[in-house]
Amino acid sequence: MSMTKAINRKVCCVISDGSKLLENADYVRQKLNEEIAAAIDDEFAYFISGFDDEAALLFAEIVIDLRRNSHKLFLEAAIPYSNWTNREDNKGLLSQSNGRKAVCRKGSPNSLMLRSRYMAQESERVIAVYCNDPKPEMVAALRFAHVYDRELRVIQY
């Protein structure tokens, strides 16, 4: 049984396409703040982030900040494979997650795709963050959300 099902909470995740936000960072931060606030208003308390790109890190940062005032919030780090945690680019946020889920034992060409499927499968609400020309991995993630009949929120920049 997965962590999310065992805890029996409404789950919301962010799936992003890995693009650099550049001048869009403030816009994406504002939209993520709005989406996370709406999720909390809708009684979501369990959040999943991949911790692997700017949008996912912003999402994690916002949840961590909100968790300081509400201990009922839970942040899971969905990592593609076990030794992925050795990365230095997650701004120390990974250690502030409440739990970690390694989707694969070791890295493979489809680790990120499997992680996106896991996050869509576990969540009732998927927040998709991508640029105007989504990468193939994002298109696949959007399909997963559709196949699993998840509520989809889009932040396009």
Foldseek 3Di string as FASTA:
>chain_A
DDPLVVVPFAEEEEDEQQDACVVNLVVLLVVLLVVVVVCVVVRGQEYEAQLPHSSSLSNLVSQLVVCVVPVSHAYEHEYLEDVPVVDPPSVPSNVVHPYYHHQYHDDDPCSLLSSLLVRLLSHQEYEYEYEPDGDPSSVSSVVSNVVNVHHYHYDYD
